[in-house]
C-alpha cells in the first residue's frame, strides 16, 4: 500500500518540472517522482518525499529507467529546485526562521 502524503498529493495537476524531450505536457499525469540517484535510496526503497520532483508520466518513465531517453543530473537538479520552491510557496515545506 502506498502512503499518500500532502507532498505527494501536491503534484496533482502541476506542470512537469523535469521537461525532458519526451515530456507530454499534460499536468493530469504529473506525479511526485522520487529521485533514486546519489545513494538516496536502497533497493526496493523510496527516498524521503523531499528528494523528489514533479514529473509527467513520460518524464517519470525516463527518470526511473522504464523508457529510453536522456535525463542528466542537471535536469534532475533543476526540476528538484523548481519543485522544492513550489512546495515552499505552498507552505508544504517550512524553513524555521525564514519569512
Protein backbone atom coordinates (compact mmCIF):
# COMPACT_ATOMS: atom_id res chain seq x y z
CA UNK A 1 0.00 0.00 0.00
CA UNK A 2 1.38 3.41 -0.97
CA UNK A 3 1.41 6.07 1.74
CA UNK A 4 -0.15 9.29 0.47
CA UNK A 5 1.29 12.43 1.99
CA UNK A 6 0.39 16.11 1.46
CA UNK A 7 3.62 16.47 -0.54
CA UNK A 8 2.66 13.56 -2.83
CA UNK A 9 -0.83 14.99 -3.26
CA UNK A 10 0.66 18.39 -4.17
CA UNK A 11 1.83 17.04 -7.54
CA UNK A 12 -1.73 16.73 -8.85
CA UNK A 13 -2.30 18.95 -11.88
CA UNK A 14 1.09 20.63 -11.57
CA UNK A 15 3.17 21.25 -14.69
CA UNK A 16 6.05 18.86 -15.22
CA UNK A 17 9.24 20.31 -13.72
CA UNK A 18 11.52 17.80 -15.46
CA UNK A 19 10.51 18.73 -19.04
CA UNK A 20 12.67 16.22 -20.91
CA UNK A 21 12.41 15.85 -24.70
CA UNK A 22 9.70 13.22 -24.20
CA UNK A 23 7.55 15.47 -21.96
CA UNK A 24 3.85 15.00 -22.68
CA UNK A 25 2.96 18.43 -21.23
CA UNK A 26 -0.15 17.03 -19.55
CA UNK A 27 -0.43 18.14 -15.91
CA UNK A 28 -3.11 15.50 -15.36
CA UNK A 29 -0.33 12.88 -15.49
CA UNK A 30 2.03 14.67 -13.09
CA UNK A 31 3.16 12.76 -10.02
CA UNK A 32 5.76 13.21 -7.32
CA UNK A 33 8.73 11.34 -8.78
CA UNK A 34 11.31 10.25 -6.22
CA UNK A 35 14.96 10.78 -7.14
CA UNK A 36 16.72 7.43 -6.90
CA UNK A 37 20.22 8.75 -7.55
CA UNK A 38 23.21 9.72 -5.46
CA UNK A 39 22.67 6.84 -2.99
CA UNK A 40 19.46 8.39 -1.64
CA UNK A 41 17.64 5.03 -1.58
CA UNK A 42 18.48 1.37 -1.49
CA UNK A 43 16.94 -1.47 -3.44
CA UNK A 44 13.14 -1.51 -3.07
CA UNK A 45 13.26 1.71 -1.02
CA UNK A 46 11.85 5.14 -1.76
CA UNK A 47 13.80 8.23 -0.80
CA UNK A 48 12.27 10.82 1.51
CA UNK A 49 9.47 12.79 -0.20
CA UNK A 50 11.66 15.93 -0.15
CA UNK A 51 14.06 14.14 -2.52
CA UNK A 52 11.60 14.30 -5.39
CA UNK A 53 10.31 16.38 -8.26
CA UNK A 54 7.11 16.94 -10.23
CA UNK A 55 7.17 14.85 -13.41
CA UNK A 56 4.63 13.94 -16.08
CA UNK A 57 4.18 10.24 -16.75
CA UNK A 58 6.53 10.32 -19.76
CA UNK A 59 9.38 12.08 -17.97
CA UNK A 60 8.86 9.91 -14.88
CA UNK A 61 9.32 6.79 -17.01
CA UNK A 62 12.66 8.08 -18.32
CA UNK A 63 13.78 9.18 -14.85
CA UNK A 64 13.07 5.70 -13.44
CA UNK A 65 14.55 3.87 -16.44
CA UNK A 66 11.26 2.40 -17.72
CA UNK A 67 11.64 4.29 -21.01
CA UNK A 68 14.60 5.34 -23.11
CA UNK A 69 15.69 8.94 -23.11
CA UNK A 70 18.29 11.26 -21.69
CA UNK A 71 17.91 12.63 -18.17
CA UNK A 72 21.03 14.32 -16.86
CA UNK A 73 21.92 15.27 -13.30
CA UNK A 74 21.46 18.89 -14.41
CA UNK A 75 17.87 18.11 -15.49
CA UNK A 76 17.20 16.46 -12.13
CA UNK A 77 18.75 19.31 -10.10
CA UNK A 78 16.79 21.99 -11.99
CA UNK A 79 13.49 20.11 -11.61
CA UNK A 80 14.16 19.33 -7.95
CA UNK A 81 14.85 23.02 -7.25
CA UNK A 82 11.69 24.14 -9.05
CA UNK A 83 9.63 21.54 -7.18
CA UNK A 84 11.10 22.43 -3.79
CA UNK A 85 10.49 26.16 -4.35
CA UNK A 86 6.88 25.37 -5.32
CA UNK A 87 6.45 23.36 -2.11
CA UNK A 88 7.85 26.26 -0.06
CA UNK A 89 5.50 28.77 -1.77
CA UNK A 90 2.54 26.49 -0.98
CA UNK A 91 3.56 26.12 2.66
CA UNK A 92 4.22 22.38 2.36
CA UNK A 93 7.85 22.92 3.32
CA UNK A 94 8.62 25.47 6.02
CA UNK A 95 12.10 26.61 6.93
CA UNK A 96 12.25 27.79 10.53
CA UNK A 97 13.37 31.38 10.93
CA UNK A 98 12.70 32.32 7.29
CA UNK A 99 9.76 34.54 6.43
